[in-house]
Amino acid sequence: MQLTATRTETLVRTFMARTYSWMAAGLALTAGVAYLTAQNEALAAQVMGLRMPLVLAQLAIVFVLSLAAQRLSSAVAGILFIAYAALTGLTFSSLLLAYSPSAVTAAFLTTAGTFAAMSVAGLVIKRDLSALGRFFLFAVLGLLIAMIVNLFVASSALTLGISIVGVLLFAGLTAYDTQMLRTLALSGVSGELAERAAINGALALYLDFINMFLFILRLFGFAGSSDD
């Protein structure tokens, strides 16, 4: 029994360490690309002009990684993940120009702390969260609809509400995705399959982190504008 428990802990620790490593690499690349782009006015202007094609390219990569995951090699999946992180860095360069360094730093630290807490919760919580998958799906769709509506009504109250719900939603998704990855690790995946699963898992957690960061940054921006 002790051997089984030890082996289980090793499986989870090894798989999650690989997943977190990919995620951390993606975040570091995004931050680096965003910073370097924001420092170059000409490049930043070009990126702003290409914002829609860049977003479409990001969506295409997520689509391929999500729906064709079983047919991709881990090398191709890794390249696509790195490409996605770099594209996100390009689009995020505008945030560094729109928000103060202190707001971006505070939002990042808040996101990192929240993400860490919720991911740990997903690893240790005993309750099965798999039943919440459909709830999270519809919640994300509802949030997207609210954001589209707000593009037309431009309501500051709705912006605040969307941001708060967004933070809570992606905090919950962090715990959910982490537990799903832990369950996958316990299934005994290994080799090429494990590497590919770690990359796809890193993408899921990366998206949770990035989206939570965006909503927290908006809350900081909202609070800052209220103080002015």
Protein backbone atom coordinates (compact mmCIF):
# COMPACT_ATOMS: atom_id res chain seq x y z
CA MET A 1 0.00 0.00 0.00
CA GLN A 2 2.84 2.35 0.92
CA LEU A 3 4.63 1.51 -2.34
CA THR A 4 1.48 2.20 -4.32
CA ALA A 5 0.94 5.51 -2.56
CA THR A 6 4.56 6.50 -3.15
CA ARG A 7 4.37 5.57 -6.83
CA THR A 8 1.14 7.56 -7.15
CA GLU A 9 2.75 10.64 -5.64
CA THR A 10 5.72 10.24 -7.99
CA LEU A 11 3.49 9.97 -11.05
CA VAL A 12 1.56 13.11 -10.13
CA ARG A 13 4.65 15.08 -9.11
CA THR A 14 6.56 14.21 -12.29
CA PHE A 15 3.68 14.94 -14.66
CA MET A 16 2.63 18.17 -12.95
CA ALA A 17 6.24 19.40 -12.78
CA ARG A 18 6.50 18.93 -16.54
CA THR A 19 3.18 20.70 -17.07
CA TYR A 20 4.10 23.65 -14.85
CA SER A 21 7.49 23.90 -16.57
CA TRP A 22 5.86 24.29 -19.97
CA MET A 23 3.41 26.81 -18.57
CA ALA A 24 6.16 28.84 -16.89
CA ALA A 25 8.17 28.86 -20.12
CA GLY A 26 5.12 30.12 -21.99
CA LEU A 27 4.48 32.89 -19.48
CA ALA A 28 8.14 33.95 -19.52
CA LEU A 29 8.12 34.11 -23.32
CA THR A 30 4.88 36.10 -23.33
CA ALA A 31 6.25 38.60 -20.82
CA GLY A 32 9.54 38.95 -22.69
CA VAL A 33 7.93 39.46 -26.10
CA ALA A 34 5.41 41.94 -24.66
CA TYR A 35 8.14 43.97 -22.98
CA LEU A 36 10.46 44.06 -25.99
CA THR A 37 7.61 44.96 -28.34
CA ALA A 38 6.39 47.77 -26.08
CA GLN A 39 9.93 49.20 -26.02
CA ASN A 40 9.95 49.53 -29.82
CA GLU A 41 7.42 52.17 -30.88
CA ALA A 42 7.53 51.24 -34.56
CA LEU A 43 7.03 47.54 -33.85
CA ALA A 44 4.28 48.27 -31.31
CA ALA A 45 2.45 50.35 -33.92
CA GLN A 46 2.71 47.53 -36.46
CA VAL A 47 1.38 45.05 -33.93
CA MET A 48 -1.61 47.28 -33.23
CA GLY A 49 -2.36 47.36 -36.95
CA LEU A 50 -2.15 43.57 -37.14
CA ARG A 51 -4.10 42.91 -33.95
CA MET A 52 -7.01 41.09 -35.59
CA PRO A 53 -4.83 38.73 -37.70
CA LEU A 54 -2.76 37.98 -34.59
CA VAL A 55 -5.87 37.15 -32.56
CA LEU A 56 -7.17 34.91 -35.36
CA ALA A 57 -3.80 33.14 -35.46
CA GLN A 58 -4.03 32.56 -31.71
CA LEU A 59 -7.53 31.12 -32.04
CA ALA A 60 -6.36 28.84 -34.85
CA ILE A 61 -3.52 27.48 -32.71
CA VAL A 62 -5.83 26.79 -29.76
CA PHE A 63 -8.29 25.12 -32.14
CA VAL A 64 -5.59 22.84 -33.56
CA LEU A 65 -4.12 21.97 -30.15
CA SER A 66 -7.56 21.24 -28.71
CA LEU A 67 -9.15 19.26 -31.54
CA ALA A 68 -6.14 17.62 -33.17
CA ALA A 69 -4.19 16.88 -29.99
CA GLN A 70 -4.22 13.12 -30.50
CA ARG A 71 -2.76 13.41 -34.02
CA LEU A 72 0.05 15.83 -33.15
CA SER A 73 3.50 14.79 -32.02
CA SER A 74 4.75 16.32 -28.78
CA ALA A 75 7.33 18.28 -30.81
CA VAL A 76 4.67 19.88 -33.00
CA ALA A 77 2.44 20.54 -29.98
CA GLY A 78 5.37 22.19 -28.21
CA ILE A 79 6.14 24.42 -31.19
CA LEU A 80 2.50 25.47 -31.44
CA PHE A 81 2.37 26.25 -27.72
CA ILE A 82 5.51 28.39 -27.95
CA ALA A 83 4.11 30.14 -31.02
CA TYR A 84 0.88 30.87 -29.14
CA ALA A 85 2.79 32.29 -26.17
CA ALA A 86 4.82 34.53 -28.48
CA LEU A 87 1.72 35.78 -30.30
CA THR A 88 0.10 36.52 -26.95
CA GLY A 89 3.17 38.54 -26.03
CA LEU A 90 2.76 40.63 -29.16
CA THR A 91 -0.90 41.38 -28.42
CA PHE A 92 -0.13 42.01 -24.74
CA SER A 93 2.39 44.72 -25.61
CA SER A 94 -0.51 47.18 -25.81
CA LEU A 95 -1.30 46.48 -22.14
CA LEU A 96 2.15 47.68 -21.12
CA LEU A 97 1.46 50.91 -22.97
CA ALA A 98 -2.08 51.35 -21.62
CA TYR A 99 -1.44 50.55 -17.94
CA SER A 100 1.17 51.82 -15.51
CA PRO A 101 4.05 49.48 -14.58
CA SER A 102 2.81 49.41 -10.99
CA ALA A 103 -0.67 48.29 -12.08
CA VAL A 104 0.74 45.55 -14.32
CA THR A 105 3.09 44.35 -11.57
CA ALA A 106 0.35 44.35 -8.93
CA ALA A 107 -2.02 42.50 -11.26
CA PHE A 108 0.64 39.90 -12.07
CA LEU A 109 1.51 39.27 -8.42
CA THR A 110 -2.17 39.03 -7.49
CA THR A 111 -2.78 36.61 -10.35
CA ALA A 112 0.26 34.51 -9.45
CA GLY A 113 -0.85 34.22 -5.83
CA THR A 114 -4.44 33.37 -6.73
CA PHE A 115 -3.37 30.87 -9.38
CA ALA A 116 -0.96 29.12 -7.01
CA ALA A 117 -3.59 28.85 -4.28
CA MET A 118 -6.28 27.50 -6.61
CA SER A 119 -3.93 25.08 -8.35
CA VAL A 120 -2.81 23.66 -5.01
CA ALA A 121 -6.49 23.36 -4.07
CA GLY A 122 -7.10 21.41 -7.26
CA LEU A 123 -4.30 19.02 -6.34
CA VAL A 124 -5.32 18.34 -2.75
CA ILE A 125 -9.11 18.72 -2.70
CA LYS A 126 -10.91 15.39 -2.30
CA ARG A 127 -14.18 16.33 -3.95
CA ASP A 128 -14.51 15.28 -7.60
CA LEU A 129 -14.79 18.46 -9.68
CA SER A 130 -15.38 16.73 -13.03
CA ALA A 131 -19.14 17.32 -12.78
CA LEU A 132 -18.46 21.07 -12.93
CA GLY A 133 -17.08 20.84 -16.46
CA ARG A 134 -20.37 21.67 -18.14
CA PHE A 135 -21.02 24.51 -15.69
CA PHE A 136 -17.66 26.10 -16.51
CA LEU A 137 -18.30 25.71 -20.24
CA PHE A 138 -21.61 27.55 -20.09
CA ALA A 139 -20.17 30.12 -17.68
CA VAL A 140 -17.39 30.96 -20.14
CA LEU A 141 -19.90 31.22 -22.99
CA GLY A 142 -22.08 33.50 -20.87
CA LEU A 143 -19.09 35.66 -20.03
CA LEU A 144 -18.19 35.96 -23.72
CA ILE A 145 -21.74 37.01 -24.57
CA ALA A 146 -21.68 39.63 -21.81
CA MET A 147 -18.37 40.97 -23.13
CA ILE A 148 -19.75 41.22 -26.66
CA VAL A 149 -22.84 43.04 -25.40
CA ASN A 150 -20.63 45.43 -23.45
CA LEU A 151 -18.79 46.35 -26.66
CA PHE A 152 -22.00 48.05 -27.75
CA VAL A 153 -23.38 49.42 -24.48
CA ALA A 154 -19.98 50.39 -22.98
CA SER A 155 -21.28 50.19 -19.42
CA SER A 156 -18.72 50.77 -16.67
CA ALA A 157 -20.92 48.86 -14.22
CA LEU A 158 -21.10 45.90 -16.60
CA THR A 159 -17.34 46.09 -17.13
CA LEU A 160 -16.82 45.87 -13.38
CA GLY A 161 -19.25 42.96 -13.07
CA ILE A 162 -17.66 41.08 -15.97
CA SER A 163 -14.20 41.55 -14.47
CA ILE A 164 -15.25 40.24 -11.06
CA VAL A 165 -17.04 37.24 -12.55
CA GLY A 166 -14.07 36.62 -14.85
CA VAL A 167 -11.63 36.46 -11.95
CA LEU A 168 -13.85 34.07 -10.00
CA LEU A 169 -14.53 31.92 -13.06
CA PHE A 170 -10.91 31.44 -14.09
CA ALA A 171 -9.84 30.92 -10.48
CA GLY A 172 -12.36 28.07 -10.36
CA LEU A 173 -11.18 26.77 -13.73
CA THR A 174 -7.62 26.70 -12.40
CA ALA A 175 -8.64 24.29 -9.64
CA TYR A 176 -10.78 22.27 -12.06
CA ASP A 177 -8.09 21.97 -14.76
CA THR A 178 -5.43 21.09 -12.18
CA GLN A 179 -7.55 18.28 -10.77
CA MET A 180 -8.28 16.96 -14.27
CA LEU A 181 -4.54 16.92 -14.96
CA ARG A 182 -3.89 15.13 -11.67
CA THR A 183 -6.48 12.52 -12.65
CA LEU A 184 -4.77 12.12 -16.01
CA ALA A 185 -1.41 11.64 -14.29
CA LEU A 186 -2.92 8.93 -12.09
CA SER A 187 -4.00 7.03 -15.20
CA GLY A 188 -0.34 6.23 -15.76
CA VAL A 189 0.35 8.12 -19.00
CA SER A 190 3.97 7.93 -20.06
CA GLY A 191 6.37 8.61 -22.90
CA GLU A 192 5.17 10.55 -25.92
CA LEU A 193 1.57 10.57 -24.68
CA ALA A 194 2.59 12.06 -21.33
CA GLU A 195 4.68 14.79 -22.99
CA ARG A 196 1.83 15.74 -25.31
CA ALA A 197 -0.63 15.72 -22.41
CA ALA A 198 1.70 17.92 -20.36
CA ILE A 199 1.85 20.48 -23.19
CA ASN A 200 -1.93 20.52 -23.61
CA GLY A 201 -2.32 20.77 -19.84
CA ALA A 202 0.15 23.65 -19.78
CA LEU A 203 -1.93 25.43 -22.41
CA ALA A 204 -5.08 25.04 -20.29
CA LEU A 205 -3.39 26.40 -17.17
CA TYR A 206 -1.67 29.13 -19.21
CA LEU A 207 -5.05 30.28 -20.52
CA ASP A 208 -6.48 30.25 -16.99
CA PHE A 209 -3.59 32.41 -15.78
CA ILE A 210 -3.66 34.82 -18.71
CA ASN A 211 -7.41 35.38 -18.57
CA MET A 212 -7.38 35.82 -14.80
CA PHE A 213 -4.55 38.34 -15.21
CA LEU A 214 -6.54 40.31 -17.79
CA PHE A 215 -9.61 40.57 -15.58
CA ILE A 216 -7.57 41.46 -12.49
CA LEU A 217 -5.71 44.11 -14.50
CA ARG A 218 -9.04 45.59 -15.57
CA LEU A 219 -10.12 45.71 -11.93
CA PHE A 220 -6.92 47.57 -11.04
CA GLY A 221 -7.53 49.92 -13.95
CA PHE A 222 -11.13 50.42 -12.89
CA ALA A 223 -10.05 51.20 -9.31
CA GLY A 224 -7.39 53.59 -10.58
CA SER A 225 -9.85 55.50 -12.75
CA SER A 226 -12.28 55.73 -9.83
CA ASP A 227 -9.57 57.34 -7.70
CA ASP A 228 -8.80 59.99 -10.33
